[in-house]
Amino acid sequence: MSAVRQRRQNAGWHRFDVGDFECTVLWDGYIHHGYEGIFPNADPDEMARLKAEHRLPVDHIPMDLNPVVVNTGQHLLLIDAGMGRTSTMFGDKMGRMRENMAAAGIDPAEVDAVLMTHLHPDHSYGLIEPDGSATFPNADLYCTSADWAEWTDEANLRRNDFRAPWTSGTLEAVGPYRDRLKLFEPGDTLFPGVSTFCVAGHAAGMCAYIFESAGEKVVFTGDVAHHHVFDPYHPEWFFHMDYDTSPEKGAAAKAAIFAKVADEGIRFHGYHFPYPGLGDVTRAPDGTYRFHAEAVNPRL
């Protein structure tokens, strides 16, 4: 007798410590993204070389979605909310964060704040449930002033490009949190041990969050980098001319954050890097960078 294939992987959560902070990556799924439009100023021969050397898929980039919950001992903080289950505009491989949060033993009602790197759909739509209610009913919502201005601008609804549906979905996602909205500027300190760093470019107000405890640091970087090989090797490559608010600024922000983490010994978390997205960035002799992923293991 043959058995039905399960077609499911083990629960997508991974726990690690930063000093006294307990961090949990909650996999929300992945975007099956083709190479069309990706890294438009890349040298095709160099891209082909890196694909071959690192055994990368030749026809697509599987971009994981890796929100993270950090328990500081005083607050339970979520960095980005994933794509959620209200839209399949980027495919049907997302919306797994809630089940992985449950598997990790985290109650959404206990989340004190959601810290948004930016409000693009695959980061913000998970703020709500399919019925429109808040996924995190007791959480404040933190967002930079510039990002809020860009992605809740109702004038976008009259556009004839992607910004119209993206903005419509964002307005729905942030709706239940408007009375708990906390706007800030990059560089502000939000909680003890939680500071912010400007990485604007992919979105006009995108920011990274640096967590520090007991002499250890980790930075959650949102979409400043989308790929664990191409971006460190070539920070000057733009991500996408259509979807980056400013491709040039995005490339400069990428180089700046790589330099900062390499020089200061800060662990790096890439939201779209292969799950769980955690590792170290080092500087190569030629001035470029390398990302060294931390292996998933059952030891804490």
Protein backbone atom coordinates (compact mmCIF):
# COMPACT_ATOMS: atom_id res chain seq x y z
CA MET A 1 0.00 0.00 0.00
CA SER A 2 1.41 3.41 -0.92
CA ALA A 3 1.29 6.35 1.51
CA VAL A 4 0.43 9.93 0.64
CA ARG A 5 3.43 12.24 0.58
CA GLN A 6 3.32 14.71 3.44
CA ARG A 7 4.75 17.69 1.49
CA ARG A 8 5.59 19.47 4.74
CA GLN A 9 8.86 20.28 6.48
CA ASN A 10 9.49 20.39 10.23
CA ALA A 11 8.27 23.45 12.11
CA GLY A 12 10.06 26.59 10.96
CA TRP A 13 11.29 28.23 14.12
CA HIS A 14 14.83 28.68 15.36
CA ARG A 15 15.95 30.05 18.71
CA PHE A 16 19.23 31.77 19.57
CA ASP A 17 20.53 34.06 22.31
CA VAL A 18 22.08 37.51 22.14
CA GLY A 19 23.45 38.11 25.61
CA ASP A 20 20.43 37.89 27.88
CA PHE A 21 17.96 38.35 25.02
CA GLU A 22 16.17 35.29 23.65
CA CYS A 23 15.49 35.48 19.91
CA THR A 24 13.18 33.26 17.85
CA VAL A 25 13.12 33.25 14.06
CA LEU A 26 9.63 32.43 12.75
CA TRP A 27 9.64 31.29 9.12
CA ASP A 28 6.69 32.71 7.17
CA GLY A 29 7.43 30.86 3.94
CA TYR A 30 9.22 32.04 0.82
CA ILE A 31 8.87 33.95 -2.43
CA HIS A 32 9.76 32.00 -5.57
CA HIS A 33 11.30 34.99 -7.38
CA GLY A 34 12.62 34.78 -10.92
CA TYR A 35 15.70 36.67 -12.05
CA GLU A 36 13.71 39.05 -14.26
CA GLY A 37 14.54 42.59 -13.17
CA ILE A 38 16.75 41.40 -10.29
CA PHE A 39 20.18 43.03 -9.97
CA PRO A 40 19.82 45.00 -13.22
CA ASN A 41 23.35 46.47 -13.13
CA ALA A 42 25.01 43.13 -12.45
CA ASP A 43 27.61 41.69 -14.82
CA PRO A 44 25.90 38.61 -16.36
CA ASP A 45 29.14 36.65 -16.49
CA GLU A 46 29.89 37.38 -12.84
CA MET A 47 26.37 36.40 -11.83
CA ALA A 48 26.72 33.14 -13.76
CA ARG A 49 30.07 32.50 -12.06
CA LEU A 50 28.59 32.99 -8.59
CA LYS A 51 25.62 30.78 -9.41
CA ALA A 52 27.95 27.98 -10.45
CA GLU A 53 30.46 28.42 -7.63
CA HIS A 54 27.80 28.48 -4.90
CA ARG A 55 25.46 25.96 -6.56
CA LEU A 56 22.59 28.43 -6.66
CA PRO A 57 19.35 27.83 -8.56
CA VAL A 58 19.87 29.02 -12.11
CA ASP A 59 16.32 30.23 -12.77
CA HIS A 60 15.02 31.72 -9.52
CA ILE A 61 15.88 33.17 -6.11
CA PRO A 62 14.01 31.47 -3.24
CA MET A 63 13.67 34.40 -0.85
CA ASP A 64 12.68 33.21 2.62
CA LEU A 65 10.65 35.41 4.96
CA ASN A 66 12.18 35.41 8.44
CA PRO A 67 10.39 37.56 11.07
CA VAL A 68 11.99 37.40 14.52
CA VAL A 69 10.60 37.67 18.05
CA VAL A 70 13.00 38.97 20.72
CA ASN A 71 12.30 38.52 24.42
CA THR A 72 14.36 41.15 26.24
CA GLY A 73 13.10 40.13 29.66
CA GLN A 74 11.07 43.35 29.78
CA HIS A 75 9.38 43.30 26.39
CA LEU A 76 8.39 40.80 23.73
CA LEU A 77 9.24 42.43 20.40
CA LEU A 78 8.50 41.22 16.87
CA ILE A 79 10.58 42.50 13.96
CA ASP A 80 8.34 42.49 10.86
CA ALA A 81 5.15 40.49 10.52
CA GLY A 82 5.55 38.46 7.34
CA MET A 83 3.12 38.20 4.43
CA GLY A 84 0.38 36.63 6.49
CA ARG A 85 -2.71 34.96 5.06
CA THR A 86 -4.64 37.84 3.51
CA SER A 87 -2.96 37.93 0.09
CA THR A 88 -1.21 35.68 -2.41
CA MET A 89 0.09 38.48 -4.64
CA PHE A 90 3.62 37.08 -4.28
CA GLY A 91 2.55 33.44 -4.55
CA ASP A 92 1.03 30.85 -2.24
CA LYS A 93 4.15 29.78 -0.34
CA MET A 94 3.78 32.20 2.58
CA GLY A 95 1.58 32.70 5.62
CA ARG A 96 3.29 30.21 7.94
CA MET A 97 4.37 32.54 10.74
CA ARG A 98 1.34 32.00 12.98
CA GLU A 99 1.66 28.21 13.01
CA ASN A 100 5.39 28.46 13.60
CA MET A 101 4.82 30.97 16.39
CA ALA A 102 2.47 28.48 18.05
CA ALA A 103 5.00 25.69 17.59
CA ALA A 104 7.63 27.91 19.25
CA GLY A 105 5.36 28.50 22.26
CA ILE A 106 4.79 32.21 21.62
CA ASP A 107 1.34 33.75 22.13
CA PRO A 108 0.62 36.63 19.69
CA ALA A 109 -1.35 38.36 22.44
CA GLU A 110 1.85 38.65 24.51
CA VAL A 111 3.73 40.63 21.83
CA ASP A 112 4.28 44.15 23.19
CA ALA A 113 5.42 45.82 19.97
CA VAL A 114 5.92 45.12 16.28
CA LEU A 115 8.99 46.90 14.89
CA MET A 116 8.64 47.42 11.15
CA THR A 117 11.74 47.67 9.01
CA HIS A 118 9.37 48.92 6.28
CA LEU A 119 5.78 48.42 5.22
CA HIS A 120 6.12 46.38 2.03
CA PRO A 121 3.48 43.60 1.77
CA ASP A 122 5.76 40.69 2.71
CA HIS A 123 6.63 42.49 5.94
CA SER A 124 3.34 44.13 6.93
CA TYR A 125 0.38 42.11 5.68
CA GLY A 126 0.87 39.60 8.50
CA LEU A 127 -0.25 42.29 10.95
CA ILE A 128 -3.84 41.18 10.39
CA GLU A 129 -5.85 37.99 10.16
CA PRO A 130 -8.03 37.12 7.15
CA ASP A 131 -11.03 38.64 8.97
CA GLY A 132 -9.20 41.96 9.33
CA SER A 133 -8.56 41.68 13.07
CA ALA A 134 -5.16 42.43 14.61
CA THR A 135 -2.85 39.42 14.72
CA PHE A 136 -1.12 41.04 17.70
CA PRO A 137 -4.00 42.60 19.63
CA ASN A 138 -1.94 44.16 22.42
CA ALA A 139 1.05 45.37 20.42
CA ASP A 140 2.15 48.88 19.58
CA LEU A 141 3.27 49.40 16.00
CA TYR A 142 6.64 51.10 15.42
CA CYS A 143 7.49 52.60 12.05
CA THR A 144 9.74 55.40 10.80
CA SER A 145 7.98 58.62 9.86
CA ALA A 146 9.32 58.45 6.29
CA ASP A 147 8.19 54.88 5.74
CA TRP A 148 4.75 55.60 7.13
CA ALA A 149 4.44 58.62 4.84
CA GLU A 150 5.45 56.57 1.78
CA TRP A 151 3.26 53.51 2.27
CA THR A 152 0.11 54.93 3.83
CA ASP A 153 -0.18 57.76 1.29
CA GLU A 154 -3.70 57.39 -0.13
CA ALA A 155 -2.60 59.24 -3.27
CA ASN A 156 -0.87 55.97 -4.23
CA LEU A 157 -4.30 54.38 -4.66
CA ARG A 158 -4.79 56.45 -7.82
CA ARG A 159 -1.58 55.22 -9.44
CA ASN A 160 -1.45 52.65 -12.24
CA ASP A 161 1.50 50.67 -10.92
CA PHE A 162 2.24 48.26 -8.08
CA ARG A 163 2.01 51.03 -5.49
CA ALA A 164 -1.78 51.07 -5.70
CA PRO A 165 -2.40 47.47 -4.53
CA TRP A 166 0.56 47.54 -2.16
CA THR A 167 -0.76 50.68 -0.47
CA SER A 168 -4.31 49.35 -0.33
CA GLY A 169 -3.14 46.23 1.47
CA THR A 170 -0.88 48.21 3.80
CA LEU A 171 -3.73 50.51 4.83
CA GLU A 172 -5.80 47.46 5.74
CA ALA A 173 -2.91 45.86 7.61
CA VAL A 174 -2.10 48.87 9.78
CA GLY A 175 -5.75 49.78 10.36
CA PRO A 176 -6.20 48.01 13.73
CA TYR A 177 -2.98 49.58 15.05
CA ARG A 178 -3.56 53.26 14.28
CA ASP A 179 -4.34 54.14 17.90
CA ARG A 180 -1.13 52.39 18.97
CA LEU A 181 1.17 53.79 16.28
CA LYS A 182 4.62 54.97 17.39
CA LEU A 183 6.51 56.92 14.73
CA PHE A 184 10.26 57.47 15.15
CA GLU A 185 13.37 58.58 13.27
CA PRO A 186 16.31 56.31 12.34
CA GLY A 187 18.97 56.67 15.02
CA ASP A 188 16.41 56.73 17.84
CA THR A 189 16.67 54.26 20.74
CA LEU A 190 13.28 52.61 21.22
CA PHE A 191 13.80 50.32 24.21
CA PRO A 192 16.73 49.51 26.48
CA GLY A 193 19.23 47.75 24.23
CA VAL A 194 17.27 48.45 21.04
CA SER A 195 18.58 51.14 18.68
CA THR A 196 17.84 51.93 15.03
CA PHE A 197 20.01 52.52 11.96
CA CYS A 198 19.01 54.07 8.63
CA VAL A 199 19.12 51.71 5.63
CA ALA A 200 16.82 53.73 3.37
CA GLY A 201 16.79 53.03 -0.34
CA HIS A 202 14.72 49.93 -0.98
CA ALA A 203 12.05 51.92 0.85
CA ALA A 204 12.39 55.62 1.63
CA GLY A 205 12.22 55.12 5.39
CA MET A 206 13.55 51.61 5.84
CA CYS A 207 15.55 51.05 9.02
CA ALA A 208 17.48 48.30 10.73
CA TYR A 209 17.19 47.37 14.42
CA ILE A 210 20.30 46.73 16.51
CA PHE A 211 19.80 44.69 19.68
CA GLU A 212 22.54 44.69 22.31
CA SER A 213 22.78 42.70 25.53
CA ALA A 214 25.71 41.68 27.73
CA GLY A 215 28.23 42.87 25.17
CA GLU A 216 26.67 41.01 22.22
CA LYS A 217 24.87 42.57 19.25
CA VAL A 218 22.67 41.47 16.38
CA VAL A 219 21.12 43.60 13.65
CA PHE A 220 17.83 42.85 11.91
CA THR A 221 18.16 44.44 8.50
CA GLY A 222 14.90 44.03 6.61
CA ASP A 223 15.48 44.26 2.86
CA VAL A 224 18.78 46.10 2.74
CA ALA A 225 20.10 42.85 1.19
CA HIS A 226 18.03 40.17 -0.53
CA HIS A 227 20.62 37.49 -1.28
CA HIS A 228 23.29 35.88 0.86
CA VAL A 229 25.82 35.57 -2.01
CA PHE A 230 25.16 38.27 -4.61
CA ASP A 231 24.78 41.17 -2.17
CA PRO A 232 27.91 40.62 -0.02
CA TYR A 233 30.05 39.96 -3.10
CA HIS A 234 28.61 42.97 -4.93
CA PRO A 235 27.02 45.59 -2.67
CA GLU A 236 27.01 47.94 -5.66
CA TRP A 237 24.41 45.81 -7.47
CA PHE A 238 20.92 47.30 -7.31
CA PHE A 239 18.12 44.99 -6.20
CA HIS A 240 15.38 46.07 -8.60
CA MET A 241 14.87 49.28 -10.57
CA ASP A 242 11.06 49.04 -10.28
CA TYR A 243 10.60 48.06 -6.65
CA ASP A 244 13.41 50.01 -5.00
CA THR A 245 12.35 53.55 -4.10
CA SER A 246 15.95 54.59 -4.81
CA PRO A 247 18.24 51.85 -6.19
CA GLU A 248 21.35 54.01 -5.77
CA LYS A 249 20.59 54.75 -2.12
CA GLY A 250 19.74 51.11 -1.57
CA ALA A 251 23.15 50.00 -2.81
CA ALA A 252 24.89 52.61 -0.65
CA ALA A 253 22.90 51.52 2.42
CA LYS A 254 23.85 47.91 1.74
CA ALA A 255 27.56 48.78 1.64
CA ALA A 256 27.21 50.87 4.81
CA ILE A 257 25.53 48.17 6.89
CA PHE A 258 27.98 45.50 5.71
CA ALA A 259 30.88 47.75 6.72
CA LYS A 260 29.31 48.46 10.10
CA VAL A 261 28.66 44.85 11.06
CA ALA A 262 32.05 43.67 9.79
CA ASP A 263 33.95 46.40 11.64
CA GLU A 264 31.95 46.18 14.87
CA GLY A 265 31.45 42.42 15.09
CA ILE A 266 27.65 42.57 14.93
CA ARG A 267 25.78 39.39 14.00
CA PHE A 268 23.74 39.89 10.84
CA HIS A 269 20.18 38.78 10.16
CA GLY A 270 18.88 38.94 6.60
CA TYR A 271 15.10 38.85 6.38
CA HIS A 272 15.21 37.22 2.94
CA PHE A 273 18.36 35.14 3.43
CA PRO A 274 18.01 31.35 3.62
CA TYR A 275 16.21 30.41 6.85
CA PRO A 276 16.95 31.31 9.57
CA GLY A 277 18.91 34.18 7.99
CA LEU A 278 21.48 34.50 10.77
CA GLY A 279 25.25 34.71 10.47
CA ASP A 280 28.36 36.88 10.37
CA VAL A 281 29.64 39.22 7.69
CA THR A 282 33.37 39.52 7.07
CA ARG A 283 35.35 41.79 4.79
CA ALA A 284 37.24 40.11 1.93
CA PRO A 285 40.73 41.29 0.86
CA ASP A 286 39.26 43.01 -2.20
CA GLY A 287 36.95 45.13 -0.04
CA THR A 288 33.80 43.14 -0.72
CA TYR A 289 32.08 40.98 1.88
CA ARG A 290 31.13 37.40 2.67
CA PHE A 291 28.15 36.13 4.65
CA HIS A 292 28.85 33.09 6.85
CA ALA A 293 25.58 31.46 7.84
CA GLU A 294 25.12 29.97 11.30
CA ALA A 295 23.92 26.40 10.96
CA VAL A 296 20.54 25.45 12.39
CA ASN A 297 21.06 23.09 15.31
CA PRO A 298 19.04 21.83 18.31
CA ARG A 299 21.45 23.23 20.88
CA LEU A 300 20.80 26.54 22.64
